[in-house]
C-alpha cells in the first residue's frame, strides 16, 4: 500500500467517522429536546399543584 493509498483510506475513514458523529449528535439533540419538553410539562404540573395549595 502506497502512502497515497494510506492517506486516501484514512481520509475516507475520517469522513465516515464524521458522518457517524453527526448522526449521533442529531440523536442526542433530539433526545435533549424531548427531555426538555417533558420537563416543561412537569414544571407546569408542579406549578398547577403549587397554585392549588
N, C-alpha and C. Protein backbone atom coordinates (compact mmCIF):
# COMPACT_ATOMS: atom_id res chain seq x y z
N UNK A 1 0.85 -1.18 0.00
CA UNK A 1 0.00 0.00 0.00
C UNK A 1 0.90 1.24 0.00
N UNK A 2 0.66 2.11 -0.95
CA UNK A 2 1.48 3.31 -1.04
C UNK A 2 1.02 4.35 -0.02
N UNK A 3 1.85 5.34 0.17
CA UNK A 3 1.49 6.42 1.10
C UNK A 3 0.21 7.11 0.65
N UNK A 4 0.06 7.29 -0.65
CA UNK A 4 -1.13 7.95 -1.19
C UNK A 4 -2.39 7.12 -0.90
N UNK A 5 -2.28 5.81 -1.06
CA UNK A 5 -3.41 4.92 -0.74
C UNK A 5 -3.77 5.00 0.74
N UNK A 6 -2.76 5.04 1.56
CA UNK A 6 -2.98 5.12 3.00
C UNK A 6 -3.66 6.44 3.38
N UNK A 7 -3.22 7.52 2.76
CA UNK A 7 -3.82 8.83 3.01
C UNK A 7 -5.29 8.83 2.57
N UNK A 8 -5.55 8.25 1.40
CA UNK A 8 -6.92 8.18 0.89
C UNK A 8 -7.80 7.34 1.82
N UNK A 9 -7.28 6.22 2.26
CA UNK A 9 -8.03 5.35 3.18
C UNK A 9 -8.33 6.08 4.48
N UNK A 10 -7.33 6.73 5.04
CA UNK A 10 -7.54 7.48 6.28
C UNK A 10 -8.55 8.60 6.10
N UNK A 11 -8.50 9.26 4.94
CA UNK A 11 -9.44 10.34 4.65
C UNK A 11 -10.86 9.79 4.59
N UNK A 12 -11.03 8.67 3.90
CA UNK A 12 -12.36 8.06 3.78
C UNK A 12 -12.89 7.63 5.16
N UNK A 13 -12.02 7.02 5.95
CA UNK A 13 -12.43 6.62 7.30
C UNK A 13 -12.80 7.82 8.15
N UNK A 14 -12.07 8.90 7.97
CA UNK A 14 -12.37 10.14 8.70
C UNK A 14 -13.75 10.68 8.31
N UNK A 15 -14.06 10.65 7.02
CA UNK A 15 -15.38 11.11 6.56
C UNK A 15 -16.50 10.25 7.12
N UNK A 16 -16.28 8.94 7.11
CA UNK A 16 -17.28 8.02 7.67
C UNK A 16 -17.48 8.31 9.15
N UNK A 17 -16.39 8.50 9.87
CA UNK A 17 -16.46 8.79 11.29
C UNK A 17 -17.21 10.10 11.55
N UNK A 18 -16.94 11.11 10.73
CA UNK A 18 -17.62 12.40 10.89
C UNK A 18 -19.12 12.25 10.66
N UNK A 19 -19.50 11.46 9.65
CA UNK A 19 -20.93 11.23 9.38
C UNK A 19 -21.58 10.52 10.55
N UNK A 20 -20.91 9.51 11.08
CA UNK A 20 -21.46 8.78 12.23
C UNK A 20 -21.61 9.70 13.43
N UNK A 21 -20.62 10.56 13.66
CA UNK A 21 -20.71 11.51 14.76
C UNK A 21 -21.86 12.48 14.56
N UNK A 22 -22.08 12.92 13.33
CA UNK A 22 -23.19 13.83 13.04
C UNK A 22 -24.53 13.16 13.34
N UNK A 23 -24.66 11.90 12.95
CA UNK A 23 -25.89 11.16 13.23
C UNK A 23 -26.10 11.04 14.74
N UNK A 24 -25.04 10.69 15.45
CA UNK A 24 -25.15 10.55 16.91
C UNK A 24 -25.50 11.88 17.57
N UNK A 25 -24.89 12.97 17.11
CA UNK A 25 -25.19 14.28 17.67
C UNK A 25 -26.64 14.67 17.43
N UNK A 26 -27.16 14.33 16.26
CA UNK A 26 -28.57 14.62 15.97
C UNK A 26 -29.48 13.81 16.88
N UNK A 27 -29.12 12.56 17.14
CA UNK A 27 -29.91 11.73 18.05
C UNK A 27 -29.88 12.30 19.46
N UNK A 28 -28.71 12.74 19.91
CA UNK A 28 -28.58 13.34 21.24
C UNK A 28 -29.42 14.62 21.31
N UNK A 29 -29.34 15.45 20.28
CA UNK A 29 -30.11 16.69 20.25
C UNK A 29 -31.60 16.40 20.31
N UNK A 30 -32.05 15.40 19.59
CA UNK A 30 -33.46 15.02 19.60
C UNK A 30 -33.88 14.55 20.99
N UNK A 31 -33.05 13.75 21.62
CA UNK A 31 -33.34 13.26 22.98
C UNK A 31 -33.40 14.42 23.97
N UNK A 32 -32.46 15.35 23.85
CA UNK A 32 -32.46 16.51 24.75
C UNK A 32 -33.70 17.36 24.55
N UNK A 33 -34.11 17.53 23.31
CA UNK A 33 -35.32 18.31 23.02
C UNK A 33 -36.53 17.64 23.64
N UNK A 34 -36.62 16.33 23.49
CA UNK A 34 -37.72 15.57 24.08
C UNK A 34 -37.73 15.69 25.60
N UNK A 35 -36.55 15.57 26.20
CA UNK A 35 -36.44 15.71 27.66
C UNK A 35 -36.87 17.10 28.11
N UNK A 36 -36.45 18.12 27.36
CA UNK A 36 -36.81 19.50 27.71
C UNK A 36 -38.32 19.69 27.65
N UNK A 37 -38.96 19.12 26.63
CA UNK A 37 -40.41 19.22 26.51
C UNK A 37 -41.10 18.53 27.68
N UNK A 38 -40.60 17.36 28.06
CA UNK A 38 -41.18 16.63 29.19
C UNK A 38 -40.98 17.39 30.49
N UNK A 39 -39.81 18.00 30.66
CA UNK A 39 -39.54 18.80 31.87
C UNK A 39 -40.48 20.00 31.93
N UNK A 40 -40.75 20.60 30.79
CA UNK A 40 -41.65 21.75 30.73
C UNK A 40 -43.06 21.34 31.16
N UNK A 41 -43.52 20.20 30.67
CA UNK A 41 -44.84 19.69 31.06
C UNK A 41 -44.87 19.42 32.56
N UNK A 42 -43.81 18.80 33.08
CA UNK A 42 -43.76 18.51 34.50
C UNK A 42 -43.74 19.80 35.32
N UNK A 43 -43.01 20.80 34.86
CA UNK A 43 -42.95 22.08 35.57
C UNK A 43 -44.33 22.72 35.62
N UNK A 44 -45.07 22.64 34.52
CA UNK A 44 -46.43 23.20 34.51
C UNK A 44 -47.32 22.47 35.51
N UNK A 45 -47.18 21.15 35.60
CA UNK A 45 -47.99 20.38 36.55
C UNK A 45 -47.63 20.74 37.99
N UNK A 46 -46.35 20.88 38.27
CA UNK A 46 -45.91 21.26 39.61
C UNK A 46 -46.43 22.66 39.95
N UNK A 47 -46.38 23.56 38.98
CA UNK A 47 -46.88 24.91 39.18
C UNK A 47 -48.38 24.89 39.47
N UNK A 48 -49.12 24.04 38.76
CA UNK A 48 -50.57 23.91 38.99
C UNK A 48 -50.84 23.41 40.40
N UNK A 49 -50.08 22.42 40.83
CA UNK A 49 -50.24 21.89 42.19
C UNK A 49 -49.92 22.97 43.21
N UNK A 50 -48.87 23.74 42.97
CA UNK A 50 -48.48 24.80 43.90
C UNK A 50 -49.56 25.87 44.00
N UNK A 51 -50.19 26.20 42.89
CA UNK A 51 -51.24 27.22 42.90
C UNK A 51 -52.49 26.72 43.59
N UNK A 52 -52.73 25.40 43.58
CA UNK A 52 -53.93 24.83 44.18
C UNK A 52 -53.83 24.81 45.70
N UNK A 53 -52.66 25.01 46.24
CA UNK A 53 -52.48 24.94 47.70
C UNK A 53 -52.64 26.27 48.33
